[in-house]
Amino acid sequence: MQTTETASSPNNAAHAASTRTAEIYDTTLRDGAQQEGISLSVEDKLAITKLLDEFGIDVIEGGYAGATPKDDEYFQRVQDMELRHSQIAAFGNTRRADADCDDDVTIQALLQTEAPITTIVGKASEYQVRVVLETTVEENLAMIADSVSYLKSHGRRVFYDAEHFFDGYKDNADYAIRCLRSAYDAGAERLILCDTNGGTLPYEVAEIVGEIKRELPDDAVLGIHTHNDTDTAVASAIEAFRAGAHQIQGCINGYGERTGNANLVSVIGNLNLKMGIDAVGSEKLPELTSVSNFVSEIVNRRPFPYQPYVGISAFAHKGGLHAAATEKSSAAYQHIEPSVVGNGTRITISELSGRGNVMRLIRDLGLDSELTRDDARRIVEHIKHQEALGFAYENAYASLELVVLRNLPNYEPPFELVDFMVIVENRRRASFGTGWRDDGREHPVLSEATVKIRVDEEVYLEAAEGNGPVDALNRGLRKAISDQHPEINSINLTDYKVRVVNETLGTGASVRVSIESAAEGEVWRTVGASTNVINASWMALADSAEWWLNHKLRQKSAGA
């Protein structure tokens, strides 16, 4: 069941006012899901809830009370979860103008969620009250106070999201403060200052939060909710905390409406590692990268490789001065030790790299007792040859790792290709020439792949249809080896790119196929190159499967 919190002060704020701690409030399931292209099922939301609870997030906003049957089901089912750290919050509006809380649909929906925390959003801008709500400023104050006190009287903890607060404060500071006081006097435990339109810069946020701290009673607990429309959401959240805010709201990976919300991954990293504030327990910080990747996988968004702290390229160094210096000291060109957040250093290797970079990779893989500097020289020569053919290993670390492994004298691949055949048939029936039917729709295209794979001494022949030839190949490969290697079924292809290598040759040019894959919080990239795009795609697909199976084998060996 959900945990509960008690406190000695009426506003449950004594502990927050006396020490500098940070309360992390996650709204990925509500505000994050409002980003274009993101849609979460109930199962998705429950999985993220379990993950965030285990990670140590303080409050998880589950959704908008009464908005959809999906959110209603979530609030019902989450009550049966044994949460160890997090509390669940339900989000909703203040009561309607000139209405009573007993009859207000949203207020009643908040109660029906049975969430221990109710977060109500109310206007804190005179302009918004008059133009959008079309009511009086005094009625808006009553709406805030009535909603807070009503929910408190029903045993709920209440947080007040002061919507459009910063814009409202700039236009009419007195009224914005009156909105906060109305919520505070009614018993709101948190007063969250929302930069709803995302247009307030960090220095303004700091100044205004400082002014609000001086205006309100000492035990009033402030929070901050920033959007990233000026690309400063994280900076503004940090500045608000430094100025006295206690709660920080945001989303994992910065998801959210328009350009997103404050990225809690960066917020947590900055608080824990740069400011000495345990936003999550320090023992949980090594899970930061896997949390980011896990949520990316669930929302079906490829992880951003250059995301601070957790991106696959966050601690990547290309051959040259940086790579050599990092070899001597991890602090030479890295602001933290990557393992602290569950990430790692990568030395990218290309045709310009020397044996030193390859030997670093060999050591990182723990193979320096099996591969010599002569082996490293041969690997460098092989890389140069492959890149002349169109391969590029800088952003395909998994394929690069396999290049090294295949140089081991005793390496045995988990599977080997015998051959494959791909058929693509455009079923145009009676119409020829355009590829489109008379009704304007595209003709159905059949893509079928036959794949023959050797695993140990057995040969397996499988056929599969797919949404295009690459998908058919992928499905055929999985069918052929899944009995012997069921781990392959957990792989999701998260990105696929094709680039022409030598454009002057037209349709006869070589192409490079880059694939990004993800499974169980891991993200990896592979590459293939050929004058045949299907063959290049196969190389990258096969590398992805081979790398993952090797990775799982190493995990089993380490566990043993």
Protein backbone atom coordinates (compact mmCIF):
# COMPACT_ATOMS: atom_id res chain seq x y z
CA MET A 1 0.00 0.00 0.00
CA GLN A 2 1.04 3.62 -0.41
CA THR A 3 3.03 5.08 2.45
CA THR A 4 1.78 7.99 4.50
CA GLU A 5 3.52 10.97 6.02
CA THR A 6 2.90 12.76 9.28
CA ALA A 7 4.23 16.04 10.57
CA SER A 8 3.84 18.21 13.62
CA SER A 9 3.05 21.50 11.85
CA PRO A 10 -0.33 22.22 10.26
CA ASN A 11 1.29 22.55 6.86
CA ASN A 12 3.55 19.51 7.22
CA ALA A 13 6.50 21.77 6.60
CA ALA A 14 8.66 21.84 9.72
CA HIS A 15 11.14 19.29 8.43
CA ALA A 16 11.45 21.07 5.08
CA ALA A 17 11.93 24.48 6.61
CA SER A 18 14.61 23.37 9.05
CA THR A 19 17.00 21.57 6.68
CA ARG A 20 18.11 21.99 3.08
CA THR A 21 16.71 18.94 1.39
CA ALA A 22 15.06 18.52 -2.00
CA GLU A 23 11.75 16.83 -2.63
CA ILE A 24 11.53 15.34 -6.13
CA TYR A 25 8.07 15.33 -7.69
CA ASP A 26 7.79 13.37 -10.93
CA THR A 27 5.07 14.23 -13.43
CA THR A 28 6.20 12.00 -16.31
CA LEU A 29 2.93 10.07 -16.19
CA ARG A 30 0.84 13.23 -16.56
CA ASP A 31 2.74 16.25 -17.91
CA GLY A 32 5.36 14.10 -19.63
CA ALA A 33 2.69 12.08 -21.42
CA GLN A 34 1.34 15.34 -22.89
CA GLN A 35 4.33 15.57 -25.21
CA GLU A 36 3.45 15.00 -28.83
CA GLY A 37 3.87 11.34 -29.81
CA ILE A 38 3.85 9.88 -26.28
CA SER A 39 1.00 7.63 -25.19
CA LEU A 40 1.21 5.46 -22.08
CA SER A 41 -0.92 2.42 -21.34
CA VAL A 42 -1.94 1.57 -17.78
CA GLU A 43 0.71 -1.16 -17.75
CA ASP A 44 3.31 1.37 -18.91
CA LYS A 45 2.37 3.76 -16.12
CA LEU A 46 2.50 1.05 -13.48
CA ALA A 47 5.91 -0.12 -14.71
CA ILE A 48 7.30 3.43 -14.53
CA THR A 49 5.75 3.87 -11.08
CA LYS A 50 7.50 0.74 -9.81
CA LEU A 51 10.81 1.91 -11.29
CA LEU A 52 10.59 5.43 -9.84
CA ASP A 53 9.60 4.12 -6.42
CA GLU A 54 12.60 1.78 -6.34
CA PHE A 55 14.82 4.64 -7.51
CA GLY A 56 13.68 6.85 -4.64
CA ILE A 57 11.44 9.50 -6.20
CA ASP A 58 9.41 11.20 -3.45
CA VAL A 59 6.12 11.91 -5.24
CA ILE A 60 4.76 10.36 -8.45
CA GLU A 61 1.92 12.21 -10.13
CA GLY A 62 -0.17 9.44 -11.65
CA GLY A 63 -2.45 11.39 -13.93
CA TYR A 64 -5.42 13.70 -14.26
CA ALA A 65 -8.24 12.61 -11.99
CA GLY A 66 -11.37 11.64 -13.90
CA ALA A 67 -9.90 12.64 -17.27
CA THR A 68 -9.83 9.21 -18.92
CA PRO A 69 -10.81 5.63 -18.05
CA LYS A 70 -7.12 4.80 -18.33
CA ASP A 71 -6.18 7.19 -15.53
CA ASP A 72 -9.10 5.95 -13.42
CA GLU A 73 -7.83 2.38 -13.80
CA TYR A 74 -4.29 3.45 -12.93
CA PHE A 75 -5.36 5.06 -9.66
CA GLN A 76 -7.38 1.97 -8.78
CA ARG A 77 -4.59 -0.49 -9.52
CA VAL A 78 -1.73 1.51 -8.02
CA GLN A 79 -3.36 1.17 -4.61
CA ASP A 80 -2.40 -2.52 -4.63
CA MET A 81 1.30 -1.76 -5.22
CA GLU A 82 3.66 -2.08 -2.26
CA LEU A 83 5.45 1.24 -2.67
CA ARG A 84 8.56 1.52 -0.53
CA HIS A 85 9.37 5.21 -0.91
CA SER A 86 7.06 7.15 -3.22
CA GLN A 87 3.66 8.64 -2.59
CA ILE A 88 1.09 8.91 -5.37
CA ALA A 89 -0.46 12.26 -6.30
CA ALA A 90 -3.62 12.82 -8.32
CA PHE A 91 -3.83 16.00 -10.40
CA GLY A 92 -6.90 18.17 -10.99
CA ASN A 93 -8.32 21.68 -11.17
CA THR A 94 -9.73 23.85 -8.45
CA ARG A 95 -13.50 23.88 -8.33
CA ARG A 96 -15.30 25.70 -11.11
CA ALA A 97 -16.35 29.31 -10.73
CA ASP A 98 -19.60 29.82 -8.84
CA ALA A 99 -19.84 26.10 -8.01
CA ASP A 100 -19.75 24.01 -4.89
CA CYS A 101 -17.06 21.41 -4.15
CA ASP A 102 -19.69 18.81 -3.28
CA ASP A 103 -20.98 19.00 -6.85
CA ASP A 104 -17.74 19.67 -8.69
CA VAL A 105 -16.81 16.84 -11.05
CA THR A 106 -13.03 17.30 -10.79
CA ILE A 107 -12.95 17.70 -7.01
CA GLN A 108 -15.02 14.55 -6.59
CA ALA A 109 -12.81 12.71 -9.09
CA LEU A 110 -9.75 13.65 -7.02
CA LEU A 111 -11.33 12.07 -3.96
CA GLN A 112 -12.32 8.95 -5.88
CA THR A 113 -8.70 8.27 -6.84
CA GLU A 114 -7.98 7.66 -3.13
CA ALA A 115 -4.51 9.06 -3.77
CA PRO A 116 -2.97 10.35 -0.52
CA ILE A 117 -1.86 13.55 -2.26
CA THR A 118 -4.04 15.77 -4.41
CA THR A 119 -2.35 18.40 -6.53
CA ILE A 120 -4.75 21.10 -7.63
CA VAL A 121 -3.90 23.65 -10.28
CA GLY A 122 -5.34 27.14 -9.97
CA LYS A 123 -4.65 30.42 -11.72
CA ALA A 124 -2.15 32.82 -10.14
CA SER A 125 -2.40 35.44 -12.88
CA GLU A 126 -4.98 38.21 -12.94
CA TYR A 127 -4.86 38.19 -16.75
CA GLN A 128 -5.57 34.47 -16.90
CA VAL A 129 -8.42 34.79 -14.40
CA ARG A 130 -10.16 37.55 -16.32
CA VAL A 131 -9.51 36.38 -19.90
CA VAL A 132 -9.36 32.58 -19.67
CA LEU A 133 -11.52 31.74 -16.64
CA GLU A 134 -13.79 34.72 -17.31
CA THR A 135 -14.44 35.24 -13.63
CA THR A 136 -13.48 37.75 -10.95
CA VAL A 137 -10.17 37.83 -9.10
CA GLU A 138 -12.01 37.40 -5.80
CA GLU A 139 -13.89 34.34 -7.04
CA ASN A 140 -10.61 32.77 -8.16
CA LEU A 141 -9.20 33.24 -4.64
CA ALA A 142 -12.30 31.54 -3.23
CA MET A 143 -11.95 28.69 -5.73
CA ILE A 144 -8.39 28.05 -4.51
CA ALA A 145 -9.25 28.24 -0.81
CA ASP A 146 -12.45 26.19 -1.05
CA SER A 147 -10.76 23.43 -3.05
CA VAL A 148 -7.80 23.13 -0.68
CA SER A 149 -9.86 23.17 2.50
CA TYR A 150 -12.43 20.72 1.09
CA LEU A 151 -9.81 18.16 0.10
CA LYS A 152 -8.00 18.64 3.43
CA SER A 153 -11.25 18.00 5.28
CA HIS A 154 -11.44 14.64 3.50
CA GLY A 155 -8.02 13.60 4.78
CA ARG A 156 -5.94 14.41 1.73
CA ARG A 157 -2.58 16.12 1.60
CA VAL A 158 -2.97 19.04 -0.80
CA PHE A 159 -0.38 20.68 -3.06
CA TYR A 160 -1.26 23.86 -4.94
CA ASP A 161 0.17 24.37 -8.44
CA ALA A 162 0.10 28.14 -8.97
CA GLU A 163 -0.43 28.17 -12.72
CA HIS A 164 1.14 31.02 -14.75
CA PHE A 165 2.68 32.24 -11.50
CA PHE A 166 5.77 33.95 -12.90
CA ASP A 167 3.93 35.73 -15.69
CA GLY A 168 1.22 36.69 -13.21
CA TYR A 169 3.77 37.96 -10.70
CA LYS A 170 5.40 40.19 -13.33
CA ASP A 171 2.01 41.66 -14.25
CA ASN A 172 0.53 41.96 -10.75
CA ALA A 173 2.76 40.74 -7.94
CA ASP A 174 0.25 41.52 -5.23
CA TYR A 175 -2.46 39.34 -6.74
CA ALA A 176 -0.08 36.42 -7.44
CA ILE A 177 0.98 36.47 -3.78
CA ARG A 178 -2.67 36.62 -2.65
CA CYS A 179 -3.29 33.40 -4.62
CA LEU A 180 -0.46 31.70 -2.73
CA ARG A 181 -1.71 32.99 0.61
CA SER A 182 -5.21 31.78 -0.18
CA ALA A 183 -3.88 28.24 -0.70
CA TYR A 184 -1.54 28.42 2.31
CA ASP A 185 -4.19 29.70 4.71
CA ALA A 186 -6.52 26.90 3.58
CA GLY A 187 -3.88 24.31 4.46
CA ALA A 188 -1.90 23.59 1.28
CA GLU A 189 1.35 21.81 2.20
CA ARG A 190 3.22 22.82 -0.96
CA LEU A 191 2.93 26.01 -2.99
CA ILE A 192 4.38 25.27 -6.42
CA LEU A 193 5.39 28.24 -8.54
CA CYS A 194 4.72 27.29 -12.17
CA ASP A 195 6.43 28.82 -15.18
CA THR A 196 3.60 27.48 -17.29
CA ASN A 197 4.59 29.14 -20.57
CA GLY A 198 8.30 28.50 -20.01
CA GLY A 199 9.39 32.04 -20.75
CA THR A 200 11.03 33.05 -17.47
CA LEU A 201 14.83 32.99 -17.37
CA PRO A 202 16.80 31.51 -14.45
CA TYR A 203 17.93 34.82 -12.94
CA GLU A 204 14.30 36.02 -12.88
CA VAL A 205 13.18 32.77 -11.26
CA ALA A 206 15.81 33.15 -8.54
CA GLU A 207 14.85 36.76 -7.82
CA ILE A 208 11.12 36.05 -7.67
CA VAL A 209 11.44 32.92 -5.52
CA GLY A 210 13.61 34.88 -3.09
CA GLU A 211 11.00 37.62 -2.91
CA ILE A 212 8.21 35.09 -2.29
CA LYS A 213 10.21 33.47 0.52
CA ARG A 214 10.35 36.85 2.26
CA GLU A 215 6.66 37.54 1.73
CA LEU A 216 5.27 34.25 3.05
CA PRO A 217 5.44 32.70 6.54
CA ASP A 218 8.59 30.76 7.35
CA ASP A 219 6.84 27.39 7.27
CA ALA A 220 5.37 27.91 3.79
CA VAL A 221 6.98 25.25 1.56
CA LEU A 222 7.63 26.30 -2.02
CA GLY A 223 8.02 24.17 -5.11
CA ILE A 224 9.08 24.89 -8.68
CA HIS A 225 7.59 23.68 -11.96
CA THR A 226 9.45 24.81 -15.10
CA HIS A 227 9.01 24.23 -18.81
CA ASN A 228 11.83 24.21 -21.32
CA ASP A 229 10.61 26.73 -23.92
CA THR A 230 13.77 28.82 -23.48
CA ASP A 231 16.01 25.75 -22.96
CA THR A 232 16.56 26.76 -19.32
CA ALA A 233 14.11 24.55 -17.40
CA VAL A 234 16.81 22.68 -15.46
CA ALA A 235 18.77 25.85 -14.71
CA SER A 236 15.61 27.59 -13.52
CA ALA A 237 14.70 24.66 -11.28
CA ILE A 238 18.18 24.69 -9.71
CA GLU A 239 18.06 28.46 -9.22
CA ALA A 240 14.63 28.17 -7.59
CA PHE A 241 16.01 25.57 -5.20
CA ARG A 242 18.98 27.76 -4.34
CA ALA A 243 16.58 30.63 -3.65
CA GLY A 244 14.56 28.56 -1.20
CA ALA A 245 12.22 26.18 -3.05
CA HIS A 246 11.98 22.71 -1.51
CA GLN A 247 10.09 20.67 -4.09
CA ILE A 248 11.25 20.33 -7.71
CA GLN A 249 8.80 19.07 -10.30
CA GLY A 250 9.83 17.64 -13.64
CA CYS A 251 9.88 14.61 -15.93
CA ILE A 252 12.37 11.86 -16.61
CA ASN A 253 14.36 12.76 -19.75
CA GLY A 254 12.64 16.14 -19.90
CA TYR A 255 9.48 14.88 -21.58
CA GLY A 256 6.48 17.19 -21.48
CA GLU A 257 4.20 19.49 -23.38
CA ARG A 258 5.70 21.56 -26.21
CA THR A 259 9.48 21.51 -25.64
CA GLY A 260 9.22 19.56 -22.40
CA ASN A 261 9.56 20.00 -18.65
CA ALA A 262 12.64 20.22 -16.45
CA ASN A 263 14.67 17.06 -16.97
CA LEU A 264 14.75 15.28 -13.63
CA VAL A 265 17.74 13.20 -14.74
CA SER A 266 19.87 16.35 -14.94
CA VAL A 267 18.23 17.90 -11.87
CA ILE A 268 19.07 14.84 -9.77
CA GLY A 269 22.60 14.63 -11.13
CA ASN A 270 23.24 18.30 -10.41
CA LEU A 271 21.76 18.22 -6.92
CA ASN A 272 23.52 15.04 -5.81
CA LEU A 273 26.89 15.50 -7.47
CA LYS A 274 27.35 19.26 -7.69
CA MET A 275 25.47 20.59 -4.68
CA GLY A 276 25.72 17.81 -2.11
CA ILE A 277 21.94 17.44 -1.88
CA ASP A 278 20.58 13.89 -1.83
CA ALA A 279 17.72 14.25 -4.29
CA VAL A 280 17.81 10.46 -4.29
CA GLY A 281 19.92 8.31 -2.01
CA SER A 282 23.55 8.32 -3.08
CA GLU A 283 23.43 4.52 -3.27
CA LYS A 284 20.73 4.85 -5.95
CA LEU A 285 22.63 7.29 -8.18
CA PRO A 286 24.38 4.52 -10.22
CA GLU A 287 20.90 3.58 -11.45
CA LEU A 288 20.38 6.98 -13.09
CA THR A 289 21.39 5.85 -16.60
CA SER A 290 19.29 2.70 -16.52
CA VAL A 291 16.26 4.65 -15.23
CA SER A 292 16.60 7.10 -18.12
CA ASN A 293 16.94 4.31 -20.69
CA PHE A 294 14.12 2.25 -19.21
CA VAL A 295 11.66 5.13 -19.42
CA SER A 296 12.84 5.91 -22.97
CA GLU A 297 12.09 2.35 -23.94
CA ILE A 298 8.61 2.38 -22.41
CA VAL A 299 7.59 5.66 -24.08
CA ASN A 300 9.09 4.37 -27.36
CA ARG A 301 11.56 7.23 -27.72
CA ARG A 302 15.16 6.60 -28.63
CA PRO A 303 17.49 7.78 -25.84
CA PHE A 304 19.17 11.07 -26.66
CA PRO A 305 22.84 10.10 -27.05
CA TYR A 306 24.16 13.50 -25.96
CA GLN A 307 22.01 13.84 -22.84
CA PRO A 308 24.13 15.00 -19.88
CA TYR A 309 25.10 12.36 -17.33
CA VAL A 310 23.30 9.41 -18.97
CA GLY A 311 23.69 9.73 -22.76
CA ILE A 312 25.72 7.07 -24.52
CA SER A 313 28.03 9.86 -25.76
CA ALA A 314 28.09 11.85 -22.52
CA PHE A 315 31.60 10.57 -21.74
CA ALA A 316 32.82 9.71 -25.25
CA HIS A 317 36.25 10.85 -26.38
CA LYS A 318 37.50 10.81 -29.95
CA GLY A 319 41.08 9.83 -30.79
CA GLY A 320 43.66 12.48 -29.98
CA LEU A 321 44.53 14.69 -27.03
CA HIS A 322 41.33 14.07 -25.06
CA ALA A 323 41.50 10.30 -25.40
CA ALA A 324 45.19 10.18 -24.44
CA ALA A 325 44.66 12.44 -21.44
CA THR A 326 41.63 10.50 -20.25
CA GLU A 327 43.70 7.33 -20.42
CA LYS A 328 46.08 8.88 -17.90
CA SER A 329 43.38 10.36 -15.67
CA SER A 330 39.61 9.99 -15.86
CA ALA A 331 39.28 13.54 -14.53
CA ALA A 332 41.29 15.07 -17.40
CA TYR A 333 38.27 15.70 -19.62
CA GLN A 334 35.33 14.42 -17.55
CA HIS A 335 33.48 16.42 -14.90
CA ILE A 336 32.57 13.26 -12.94
CA GLU A 337 33.48 9.59 -12.88
CA PRO A 338 30.86 8.11 -15.29
CA SER A 339 30.24 5.00 -13.20
CA VAL A 340 28.78 7.20 -10.44
CA VAL A 341 25.65 7.57 -12.59
CA GLY A 342 25.84 4.12 -14.16
CA ASN A 343 27.45 5.32 -17.39
CA GLY A 344 30.90 4.68 -18.81
CA THR A 345 33.78 6.26 -20.69
CA ARG A 346 33.99 5.49 -24.40
CA ILE A 347 37.00 6.02 -26.60
CA THR A 348 35.62 6.28 -30.12
CA ILE A 349 37.79 4.63 -32.73
CA SER A 350 38.08 5.51 -36.40
CA GLU A 351 40.57 5.17 -39.24
CA LEU A 352 42.60 7.95 -37.58
CA SER A 353 42.99 6.02 -34.33
CA GLY A 354 46.19 4.28 -33.37
CA ARG A 355 47.09 1.16 -31.42
CA GLY A 356 46.91 3.08 -28.15
CA ASN A 357 43.19 3.68 -28.49
CA VAL A 358 42.58 0.07 -29.47
CA MET A 359 44.64 -1.17 -26.52
CA ARG A 360 42.51 1.04 -24.25
CA LEU A 361 39.39 -0.65 -25.62
CA ILE A 362 40.96 -4.07 -25.17
CA ARG A 363 41.74 -3.25 -21.53
CA ASP A 364 38.21 -1.92 -20.97
CA LEU A 365 36.87 -5.26 -22.21
CA GLY A 366 39.22 -7.15 -19.87
CA LEU A 367 40.99 -8.85 -22.79
CA ASP A 368 44.50 -7.45 -22.36
CA SER A 369 45.77 -10.87 -21.27
CA GLU A 370 44.51 -12.43 -24.51
CA LEU A 371 45.26 -9.80 -27.13
CA THR A 372 48.67 -8.24 -27.77
CA ARG A 373 49.83 -4.98 -29.31
CA ASP A 374 50.31 -6.89 -32.57
CA ASP A 375 46.66 -7.89 -32.38
CA ALA A 376 45.81 -4.23 -31.79
CA ARG A 377 47.77 -3.29 -34.91
CA ARG A 378 45.81 -5.85 -36.98
CA ILE A 379 42.55 -4.52 -35.56
CA VAL A 380 43.50 -0.97 -36.54
CA GLU A 381 44.31 -2.12 -40.07
CA HIS A 382 40.99 -3.98 -40.25
CA ILE A 383 39.12 -0.85 -39.10
CA LYS A 384 40.87 1.25 -41.75
CA HIS A 385 39.94 -1.30 -44.41
CA GLN A 386 36.32 -1.43 -43.26
CA GLU A 387 35.97 2.35 -43.13
CA ALA A 388 37.29 2.54 -46.70
CA LEU A 389 34.31 0.34 -47.59
CA GLY A 390 31.87 2.70 -45.87
CA PHE A 391 31.77 1.47 -42.25
CA ALA A 392 31.99 4.03 -39.43
CA TYR A 393 32.61 2.84 -35.89
CA GLU A 394 32.61 6.15 -34.00
CA ASN A 395 28.93 5.81 -33.15
CA ALA A 396 28.68 2.03 -33.42
CA TYR A 397 30.41 0.85 -30.27
CA ALA A 398 28.73 -2.57 -30.28
CA SER A 399 30.04 -3.36 -33.78
CA LEU A 400 33.46 -2.10 -32.73
CA GLU A 401 33.45 -4.34 -29.67
CA LEU A 402 32.62 -7.30 -31.91
CA VAL A 403 35.60 -6.46 -34.15
CA VAL A 404 37.81 -6.93 -31.08
CA LEU A 405 36.06 -10.09 -29.87
CA ARG A 406 36.33 -11.73 -33.29
CA ASN A 407 40.10 -11.42 -33.03
CA LEU A 408 40.17 -13.70 -29.99
CA PRO A 409 41.62 -17.09 -30.88
CA ASN A 410 38.83 -18.96 -29.09
CA TYR A 411 35.86 -16.72 -29.97
CA GLU A 412 32.76 -18.60 -31.03
CA PRO A 413 29.87 -16.51 -32.35
CA PRO A 414 26.44 -17.44 -30.96
CA PHE A 415 25.15 -17.92 -34.51
CA GLU A 416 26.40 -17.75 -38.09
CA LEU A 417 24.60 -16.81 -41.28
CA VAL A 418 24.44 -19.48 -43.95
CA ASP A 419 22.36 -17.43 -46.37
CA PHE A 420 19.23 -15.34 -46.67
CA MET A 421 16.78 -14.43 -49.41
CA VAL A 422 14.42 -11.47 -49.44
CA ILE A 423 11.37 -11.10 -51.67
CA VAL A 424 9.55 -7.79 -52.11
CA GLU A 425 6.38 -7.97 -54.18
CA ASN A 426 4.25 -4.95 -55.02
CA ARG A 427 0.77 -6.43 -55.43
CA ARG A 428 -0.66 -3.95 -57.86
CA ARG A 429 -3.05 -6.44 -59.45
CA ALA A 430 -4.67 -4.68 -62.38
CA SER A 431 -2.80 -1.38 -62.21
CA PHE A 432 0.79 -0.83 -63.28
CA GLY A 433 3.17 2.06 -63.42
CA THR A 434 2.43 4.34 -60.47
CA GLY A 435 2.46 2.11 -57.40
CA TRP A 436 -0.79 3.75 -56.27
CA ARG A 437 -4.37 2.57 -56.69
CA ASP A 438 -7.14 4.54 -58.33
CA ASP A 439 -8.57 5.40 -54.89
CA GLY A 440 -5.29 7.10 -53.96
CA ARG A 441 -4.07 4.44 -51.56
CA GLU A 442 -0.71 2.70 -51.87
CA HIS A 443 -0.71 -0.86 -53.20
CA PRO A 444 0.03 -3.49 -50.54
CA VAL A 445 3.67 -4.58 -50.62
CA LEU A 446 4.66 -8.06 -49.46
CA SER A 447 8.08 -8.37 -47.83
CA GLU A 448 9.25 -11.87 -46.99
CA ALA A 449 12.64 -13.11 -45.84
CA THR A 450 13.99 -16.65 -45.69
CA VAL A 451 16.92 -16.96 -43.29
CA LYS A 452 19.23 -19.94 -42.85
CA ILE A 453 21.27 -19.79 -39.61
CA ARG A 454 23.79 -22.16 -38.04
CA VAL A 455 23.77 -22.46 -34.25
CA ASP A 456 26.46 -24.80 -33.00
CA GLU A 457 26.17 -27.77 -35.39
CA GLU A 458 22.49 -27.29 -36.24
CA VAL A 459 21.17 -25.35 -39.24
CA TYR A 460 17.78 -23.62 -38.95
CA LEU A 461 15.71 -22.39 -41.87
CA GLU A 462 12.91 -19.90 -41.15
CA ALA A 463 10.70 -17.61 -43.22
CA ALA A 464 8.98 -14.47 -41.97
CA GLU A 465 6.94 -11.60 -43.34
CA GLY A 466 7.51 -8.06 -42.19
CA ASN A 467 6.69 -4.41 -42.65
CA GLY A 468 9.44 -4.04 -45.23
CA PRO A 469 12.47 -6.19 -46.07
CA VAL A 470 14.55 -5.20 -43.02
CA ASP A 471 11.72 -5.99 -40.63
CA ALA A 472 11.22 -9.34 -42.39
CA LEU A 473 14.94 -10.13 -41.98
CA ASN A 474 14.79 -9.17 -38.32
CA ARG A 475 11.78 -11.42 -37.71
CA GLY A 476 13.39 -14.29 -39.63
CA LEU A 477 16.58 -14.02 -37.56
CA ARG A 478 14.63 -14.08 -34.30
CA LYS A 479 12.59 -17.10 -35.35
CA ALA A 480 15.72 -18.98 -36.39
CA ILE A 481 17.64 -18.59 -33.11
CA SER A 482 15.03 -17.84 -30.44
CA ASP A 483 14.77 -21.45 -29.27
CA GLN A 484 18.50 -21.56 -28.50
CA HIS A 485 18.81 -17.88 -27.57
CA PRO A 486 15.46 -16.61 -26.22
CA GLU A 487 17.19 -13.43 -24.99
CA ILE A 488 16.96 -12.08 -28.54
CA ASN A 489 13.23 -11.51 -28.13
CA SER A 490 13.83 -8.68 -25.65
CA ILE A 491 15.59 -6.50 -28.25
CA ASN A 492 13.75 -3.47 -29.61
CA LEU A 493 15.02 -1.68 -32.71
CA THR A 494 14.81 1.98 -31.69
CA ASP A 495 16.42 3.74 -34.66
CA TYR A 496 17.39 2.91 -38.25
CA LYS A 497 19.36 5.19 -40.55
CA VAL A 498 20.70 4.83 -44.10
CA ARG A 499 23.35 7.12 -45.53
CA VAL A 500 24.91 7.08 -48.99
CA VAL A 501 28.69 6.91 -48.62
CA ASN A 502 29.90 7.86 -52.11
CA GLU A 503 27.11 9.99 -53.56
CA THR A 504 28.71 10.46 -57.00
CA LEU A 505 27.99 6.82 -57.92
CA GLY A 506 24.22 7.30 -57.77
CA THR A 507 22.21 4.12 -57.29
CA GLY A 508 25.41 2.07 -57.42
CA ALA A 509 26.87 3.81 -54.38
CA SER A 510 27.76 2.13 -51.13
CA VAL A 511 25.35 2.76 -48.26
CA ARG A 512 25.92 2.73 -44.54
CA VAL A 513 23.18 1.42 -42.27
CA SER A 514 23.22 2.39 -38.61
CA ILE A 515 20.91 0.68 -36.14
CA GLU A 516 20.21 1.58 -32.54
CA SER A 517 18.80 -1.16 -30.30
CA ALA A 518 17.59 -1.27 -26.71
CA ALA A 519 16.71 -3.93 -24.14
CA GLU A 520 16.46 -4.05 -20.36
CA GLY A 521 17.77 -0.50 -19.97
CA GLU A 522 20.77 -1.04 -22.28
CA VAL A 523 21.22 0.91 -25.53
CA TRP A 524 23.72 0.01 -28.24
CA ARG A 525 24.51 0.84 -31.86
CA THR A 526 25.74 -1.25 -34.76
CA VAL A 527 26.73 -0.55 -38.36
CA GLY A 528 26.81 -2.26 -41.74
CA ALA A 529 27.98 -1.10 -45.17
CA SER A 530 27.52 -2.49 -48.66
CA THR A 531 26.49 -1.52 -52.17
CA ASN A 532 23.30 -3.45 -51.32
CA VAL A 533 21.15 -1.77 -48.68
CA ILE A 534 19.57 -5.09 -47.63
CA ASN A 535 22.99 -6.65 -47.07
CA ALA A 536 24.16 -3.61 -45.10
CA SER A 537 21.00 -3.83 -43.01
CA TRP A 538 21.63 -7.50 -42.31
CA MET A 539 25.17 -6.75 -41.08
CA ALA A 540 23.88 -4.18 -38.60
CA LEU A 541 20.96 -6.41 -37.48
CA ALA A 542 23.20 -9.44 -36.99
CA ASP A 543 25.77 -7.39 -35.07
CA SER A 544 23.01 -6.09 -32.79
CA ALA A 545 21.82 -9.60 -31.96
CA GLU A 546 25.36 -10.96 -31.55
CA TRP A 547 26.41 -8.12 -29.24
CA TRP A 548 23.34 -8.58 -27.03
CA LEU A 549 23.80 -12.33 -26.74
CA ASN A 550 27.45 -11.81 -25.79
CA HIS A 551 26.41 -9.19 -23.27
CA LYS A 552 23.90 -11.56 -21.65
CA LEU A 553 26.51 -14.32 -21.57
CA ARG A 554 28.96 -12.04 -19.76
CA GLN A 555 26.23 -11.14 -17.27
CA LYS A 556 25.59 -14.81 -16.55
CA SER A 557 29.30 -15.50 -16.15
CA ALA A 558 29.68 -12.58 -13.76
CA GLY A 559 26.69 -13.81 -11.74
CA ALA A 560 28.13 -17.29 -11.52
